[in-house]
């Protein structure tokens, strides 16, 4: 079995590579950088990309993911995410390669937890582009009679010790200094290694369809920080609850429901929502 990671420079890819090495799976990464270990791929020109031989699975991690770029260069982001990436996936499907396309919880803006079969309702450019890409990829798979070779995995917010603002929080907590946390920005956190393991589970089971990986519940960044301080048995008053408007920040996506229902995913893949204590316990290791 050999796996192609499209977008090998991403943070998620680094965790995926680490897990694949542990499992002794063969893989190849693409990159826009010149590297001896990767193969070159620029999403601006996917037609000239030479698909390596003997690839069984392709994990599509890359694309335009910056909210700013999707806002300010929408036409360019549309071409990459909604035209060129589906075009590349079409070529991969033609070679009978199983596709795992990484998508996002932000395709939804629901007041209740959306399930895997619910119709997305994107509310800002990045989310809209992701949904269009999902649609285009699905159409191609159906047209080629390869829908059994397509899996879409939507993720909630991935965090690690280097993710903003947690990288700063860790430093402040270690020094017992006060820090700010938004009271009006919400998330349902998961870890990058949780996402990596979900991808590998799809590969190992060859499961097609739409899947969700979500944190167990939504909470504001401020409530997360206070919960983390409580978990550490540290004074909760270190966290200053603030609203984004207090410091002139305009949030693009601050809906208070970001978690996803995982009922179908749990049944099909035996994956459960990621418990909050797992996130706290993970971040605790870096306060030293």
Protein backbone atom coordinates (compact mmCIF):
# COMPACT_ATOMS: atom_id res chain seq x y z
CA UNK A 1 0.00 0.00 0.00
CA UNK A 2 1.32 3.44 -0.96
CA UNK A 3 -0.22 6.80 -0.03
CA UNK A 4 0.09 10.16 -1.79
CA UNK A 5 -0.21 13.18 0.52
CA UNK A 6 -1.23 16.19 -1.56
CA UNK A 7 -0.22 19.25 0.44
CA UNK A 8 2.69 17.78 2.32
CA UNK A 9 3.78 21.13 3.81
CA UNK A 10 0.70 21.49 6.01
CA UNK A 11 0.78 20.97 9.76
CA UNK A 12 -1.73 18.12 9.54
CA UNK A 13 0.50 16.40 6.99
CA UNK A 14 3.42 16.45 9.41
CA UNK A 15 1.37 14.53 11.99
CA UNK A 16 0.08 12.16 9.33
CA UNK A 17 3.61 11.46 8.10
CA UNK A 18 4.73 10.69 11.66
CA UNK A 19 1.90 8.19 12.13
CA UNK A 20 2.47 6.57 8.73
CA UNK A 21 6.14 6.07 9.57
CA UNK A 22 5.20 4.39 12.86
CA UNK A 23 2.92 2.03 10.95
CA UNK A 24 5.60 1.47 8.30
CA UNK A 25 3.28 2.54 5.48
CA UNK A 26 4.81 3.80 2.25
CA UNK A 27 3.97 7.37 1.31
CA UNK A 28 4.97 10.23 -0.99
CA UNK A 29 4.37 13.93 -0.25
CA UNK A 30 3.84 16.78 -2.66
CA UNK A 31 5.27 20.22 -2.01
CA UNK A 32 5.61 23.61 -3.68
CA UNK A 33 9.14 23.79 -2.28
CA UNK A 34 12.20 22.22 -3.85
CA UNK A 35 12.89 19.18 -1.73
CA UNK A 36 14.78 15.97 -2.26
CA UNK A 37 12.19 14.03 -0.27
CA UNK A 38 9.01 15.41 -1.91
CA UNK A 39 7.62 15.67 -5.41
CA UNK A 40 6.83 19.10 -6.77
CA UNK A 41 3.21 20.15 -7.23
CA UNK A 42 1.89 23.66 -7.76
CA UNK A 43 -1.90 23.85 -7.67
CA UNK A 44 -1.79 26.58 -10.30
CA UNK A 45 -0.89 23.91 -12.86
CA UNK A 46 -2.11 20.42 -12.04
CA UNK A 47 -2.24 19.26 -15.67
CA UNK A 48 1.52 18.76 -15.81
CA UNK A 49 1.71 16.90 -12.52
CA UNK A 50 3.01 13.38 -13.05
CA UNK A 51 1.10 11.03 -10.76
CA UNK A 52 3.55 8.54 -9.20
CA UNK A 53 3.15 4.88 -10.01
CA UNK A 54 1.67 2.32 -7.63
CA UNK A 55 -0.34 4.82 -5.55
CA UNK A 56 -3.38 3.31 -3.80
CA UNK A 57 -4.63 6.25 -1.73
CA UNK A 58 -4.43 10.04 -1.99
CA UNK A 59 -5.04 12.36 0.98
CA UNK A 60 -5.94 15.86 -0.25
CA UNK A 61 -4.81 18.27 2.46
CA UNK A 62 -3.61 21.21 0.36
CA UNK A 63 -5.34 24.20 -1.17
CA UNK A 64 -6.03 27.80 -0.22
CA UNK A 65 -6.87 27.67 3.49
CA UNK A 66 -6.18 31.25 4.57
CA UNK A 67 -9.39 33.11 5.40
CA UNK A 68 -7.72 36.36 4.27
CA UNK A 69 -6.70 34.92 0.91
CA UNK A 70 -10.17 33.48 0.31
CA UNK A 71 -11.67 36.89 1.11
CA UNK A 72 -9.25 39.09 -0.77
CA UNK A 73 -8.36 36.80 -3.70
CA UNK A 74 -11.61 34.93 -4.08
CA UNK A 75 -11.27 34.28 -7.83
CA UNK A 76 -7.77 32.88 -7.38
CA UNK A 77 -8.85 30.74 -4.40
CA UNK A 78 -11.85 29.51 -6.42
CA UNK A 79 -9.58 28.44 -9.27
CA UNK A 80 -7.31 26.48 -6.91
CA UNK A 81 -9.89 24.96 -4.55
CA UNK A 82 -12.86 24.47 -6.85
CA UNK A 83 -11.32 23.93 -10.29
CA UNK A 84 -7.74 22.69 -10.11
CA UNK A 85 -8.00 20.43 -7.06
CA UNK A 86 -11.11 18.66 -8.44
CA UNK A 87 -9.28 18.37 -11.78
CA UNK A 88 -6.36 16.65 -10.03
CA UNK A 89 -8.74 14.39 -8.11
CA UNK A 90 -10.43 13.43 -11.37
CA UNK A 91 -7.06 12.28 -12.73
CA UNK A 92 -6.39 10.31 -9.54
CA UNK A 93 -9.81 8.64 -9.71
CA UNK A 94 -9.14 7.65 -13.31
CA UNK A 95 -6.20 5.64 -11.97
CA UNK A 96 -8.51 3.98 -9.45
CA UNK A 97 -6.85 5.76 -6.52
CA UNK A 98 -8.96 6.07 -3.34
CA UNK A 99 -9.41 9.74 -2.34
CA UNK A 100 -9.63 11.18 1.18
CA UNK A 101 -10.54 14.87 0.87
CA UNK A 102 -10.04 16.95 4.02
CA UNK A 103 -12.83 19.47 4.58
CA UNK A 104 -14.08 21.62 7.43
CA UNK A 105 -16.88 22.05 9.95
CA UNK A 106 -17.27 25.65 8.76
CA UNK A 107 -19.34 24.50 5.78
CA UNK A 108 -22.16 24.54 8.35
CA UNK A 109 -23.85 27.36 10.21
CA UNK A 110 -26.52 25.50 12.14
CA UNK A 111 -28.10 26.05 15.54
CA UNK A 112 -27.99 22.31 16.23
CA UNK A 113 -25.16 19.85 15.62
CA UNK A 114 -25.13 19.05 11.88
CA UNK A 115 -24.81 15.41 10.92
CA UNK A 116 -22.94 13.87 8.02
CA UNK A 117 -26.00 13.90 5.73
CA UNK A 118 -27.15 17.48 6.44
CA UNK A 119 -26.99 20.06 3.66
CA UNK A 120 -24.13 22.54 4.29
CA UNK A 121 -24.85 26.23 4.73
CA UNK A 122 -21.52 28.10 4.36
CA UNK A 123 -21.55 31.68 5.56
CA UNK A 124 -18.19 33.12 4.50
CA UNK A 125 -15.83 32.74 1.50
CA UNK A 126 -13.47 30.04 2.80
CA UNK A 127 -16.37 27.84 3.87
CA UNK A 128 -18.22 28.45 0.61
CA UNK A 129 -15.17 27.42 -1.42
CA UNK A 130 -14.78 24.25 0.61
CA UNK A 131 -18.40 23.31 0.04
CA UNK A 132 -18.18 23.98 -3.70
CA UNK A 133 -15.07 21.81 -3.80
CA UNK A 134 -16.92 19.00 -1.98
CA UNK A 135 -19.71 19.24 -4.54
CA UNK A 136 -17.39 19.24 -7.56
CA UNK A 137 -15.42 16.27 -6.28
CA UNK A 138 -18.58 14.29 -5.58
CA UNK A 139 -19.94 15.03 -9.07
CA UNK A 140 -16.72 13.79 -10.64
CA UNK A 141 -16.74 10.59 -8.60
CA UNK A 142 -20.35 9.90 -9.58
CA UNK A 143 -19.64 10.68 -13.24
CA UNK A 144 -16.72 8.24 -13.27
CA UNK A 145 -18.68 5.64 -11.30
CA UNK A 146 -16.05 5.90 -8.57
CA UNK A 147 -18.14 7.15 -5.64
CA UNK A 148 -16.94 4.10 -3.70
CA UNK A 149 -13.43 5.57 -4.02
CA UNK A 150 -14.24 8.92 -2.37
CA UNK A 151 -14.22 9.88 1.28
CA UNK A 152 -14.77 13.41 2.62
CA UNK A 153 -13.58 14.06 6.17
CA UNK A 154 -14.79 17.26 7.87
CA UNK A 155 -12.79 18.37 10.89
CA UNK A 156 -13.42 20.81 13.71
CA UNK A 157 -10.58 23.00 15.02
CA UNK A 158 -7.23 21.20 15.18
CA UNK A 159 -4.96 22.34 18.00
CA UNK A 160 -1.42 21.65 19.15
CA UNK A 161 1.18 23.36 21.32
CA UNK A 162 2.20 25.59 18.39
CA UNK A 163 -1.32 26.66 17.40
CA UNK A 164 -2.27 30.27 18.12
CA UNK A 165 -3.22 31.32 20.78
CA UNK A 166 -2.23 28.21 22.74
CA UNK A 167 1.48 28.70 22.07
CA UNK A 168 1.29 32.05 23.90
CA UNK A 169 -1.01 30.78 26.63
CA UNK A 170 1.47 28.04 27.52
CA UNK A 171 4.22 30.63 28.05
CA UNK A 172 1.98 32.89 30.16
CA UNK A 173 0.66 30.02 32.28
CA UNK A 174 4.20 28.76 32.92
CA UNK A 175 5.22 32.26 34.11
CA UNK A 176 1.94 32.68 36.07
CA UNK A 177 1.14 35.77 33.98
CA UNK A 178 -2.28 37.02 32.91
CA UNK A 179 -3.44 36.46 29.32
CA UNK A 180 -6.48 37.33 27.19
CA UNK A 181 -8.97 34.87 25.72
CA UNK A 182 -11.96 35.63 23.51
CA UNK A 183 -15.37 35.21 25.07
CA UNK A 184 -17.11 35.43 21.66
CA UNK A 185 -15.09 32.96 19.58
CA UNK A 186 -16.14 29.33 19.78
CA UNK A 187 -14.63 25.99 18.85
CA UNK A 188 -14.85 22.24 19.47
CA UNK A 189 -11.16 21.32 19.68
CA UNK A 190 -9.48 18.17 18.44
CA UNK A 191 -5.77 17.35 18.14
CA UNK A 192 -3.86 17.04 14.90
CA UNK A 193 -2.96 13.48 15.82
CA UNK A 194 -6.69 12.70 16.24
CA UNK A 195 -7.23 13.86 12.66
CA UNK A 196 -4.26 11.82 11.47
CA UNK A 197 -5.59 8.68 13.11
CA UNK A 198 -9.03 9.24 11.53
CA UNK A 199 -7.43 9.53 8.09
CA UNK A 200 -5.51 6.30 8.63
CA UNK A 201 -8.68 4.58 9.84
CA UNK A 202 -10.41 5.52 6.57
CA UNK A 203 -7.44 4.22 4.60
CA UNK A 204 -7.27 0.95 6.49
CA UNK A 205 -11.00 0.29 6.18
CA UNK A 206 -11.37 1.77 2.66
CA UNK A 207 -14.53 3.49 3.90
CA UNK A 208 -16.25 5.83 1.45
CA UNK A 209 -18.73 8.56 2.27
CA UNK A 210 -18.84 11.75 4.33
CA UNK A 211 -17.35 11.58 7.83
CA UNK A 212 -17.01 13.98 10.75
CA UNK A 213 -14.37 14.29 13.46
CA UNK A 214 -15.35 16.69 16.22
CA UNK A 215 -14.53 17.81 19.71
CA UNK A 216 -17.08 16.68 22.28
CA UNK A 217 -18.68 20.13 22.70
CA UNK A 218 -18.54 23.80 21.81
CA UNK A 219 -17.09 26.35 24.16
CA UNK A 220 -15.60 29.80 23.92
CA UNK A 221 -11.83 30.23 23.95
CA UNK A 222 -12.21 31.98 27.31
CA UNK A 223 -14.16 29.08 28.80
CA UNK A 224 -11.61 26.66 27.36
CA UNK A 225 -8.79 28.65 29.00
CA UNK A 226 -10.54 28.76 32.37
CA UNK A 227 -11.25 25.03 32.13
CA UNK A 228 -7.60 24.41 31.32
CA UNK A 229 -6.44 26.44 34.34
CA UNK A 230 -8.85 24.48 36.52
CA UNK A 231 -7.50 21.22 35.07
CA UNK A 232 -3.98 22.40 35.98
CA UNK A 233 -5.16 23.52 39.44
CA UNK A 234 -3.93 27.04 38.70
CA UNK A 235 -5.67 30.31 39.58
CA UNK A 236 -8.42 30.84 36.96
CA UNK A 237 -8.09 34.61 37.30
CA UNK A 238 -4.98 34.43 35.12
CA UNK A 239 -7.42 34.39 32.18
CA UNK A 240 -8.90 37.73 31.16
CA UNK A 241 -12.18 37.21 29.33
CA UNK A 242 -12.48 39.72 26.49
CA UNK A 243 -14.69 40.20 23.44
CA UNK A 244 -13.12 40.57 20.01
CA UNK A 245 -14.54 44.07 19.62
CA UNK A 246 -12.69 45.13 22.80
CA UNK A 247 -9.44 45.05 20.83
CA UNK A 248 -10.85 45.88 17.37
CA UNK A 249 -10.77 42.35 15.97
CA UNK A 250 -13.40 41.40 13.38
CA UNK A 251 -14.17 37.68 13.52
CA UNK A 252 -15.14 35.99 10.26
CA UNK A 253 -16.67 32.95 11.90
CA UNK A 254 -17.81 33.17 15.50
CA UNK A 255 -20.92 31.00 15.39
CA UNK A 256 -21.52 29.33 18.73
CA UNK A 257 -22.17 25.89 17.17
CA UNK A 258 -19.01 24.53 15.60
CA UNK A 259 -19.14 20.92 16.81
CA UNK A 260 -20.34 18.19 14.48
CA UNK A 261 -22.56 15.18 14.99
CA UNK A 262 -20.58 11.97 14.52
CA UNK A 263 -23.38 9.41 14.68
CA UNK A 264 -22.74 7.93 11.22
CA UNK A 265 -18.95 8.20 11.60
CA UNK A 266 -19.05 6.39 14.95
CA UNK A 267 -21.16 3.61 13.48
CA UNK A 268 -19.01 3.24 10.36
CA UNK A 269 -15.49 3.90 11.71
CA UNK A 270 -15.88 3.39 15.45
CA UNK A 271 -14.52 6.90 16.09
CA UNK A 272 -15.85 8.99 18.99
CA UNK A 273 -15.87 12.75 19.63
CA UNK A 274 -12.62 13.89 21.22
CA UNK A 275 -12.97 14.49 24.96
CA UNK A 276 -11.94 17.89 26.31
CA UNK A 277 -9.72 16.34 28.99
CA UNK A 278 -7.63 14.76 26.22
CA UNK A 279 -6.93 18.23 24.84
CA UNK A 280 -6.07 19.60 28.28
CA UNK A 281 -3.83 16.65 29.10
CA UNK A 282 -2.02 17.03 25.77
CA UNK A 283 -1.34 20.76 26.24
CA UNK A 284 -0.30 20.22 29.87
CA UNK A 285 2.83 18.37 28.69
CA UNK A 286 4.23 21.59 27.20
CA UNK A 287 4.01 23.73 30.34
CA UNK A 288 7.51 23.18 31.66
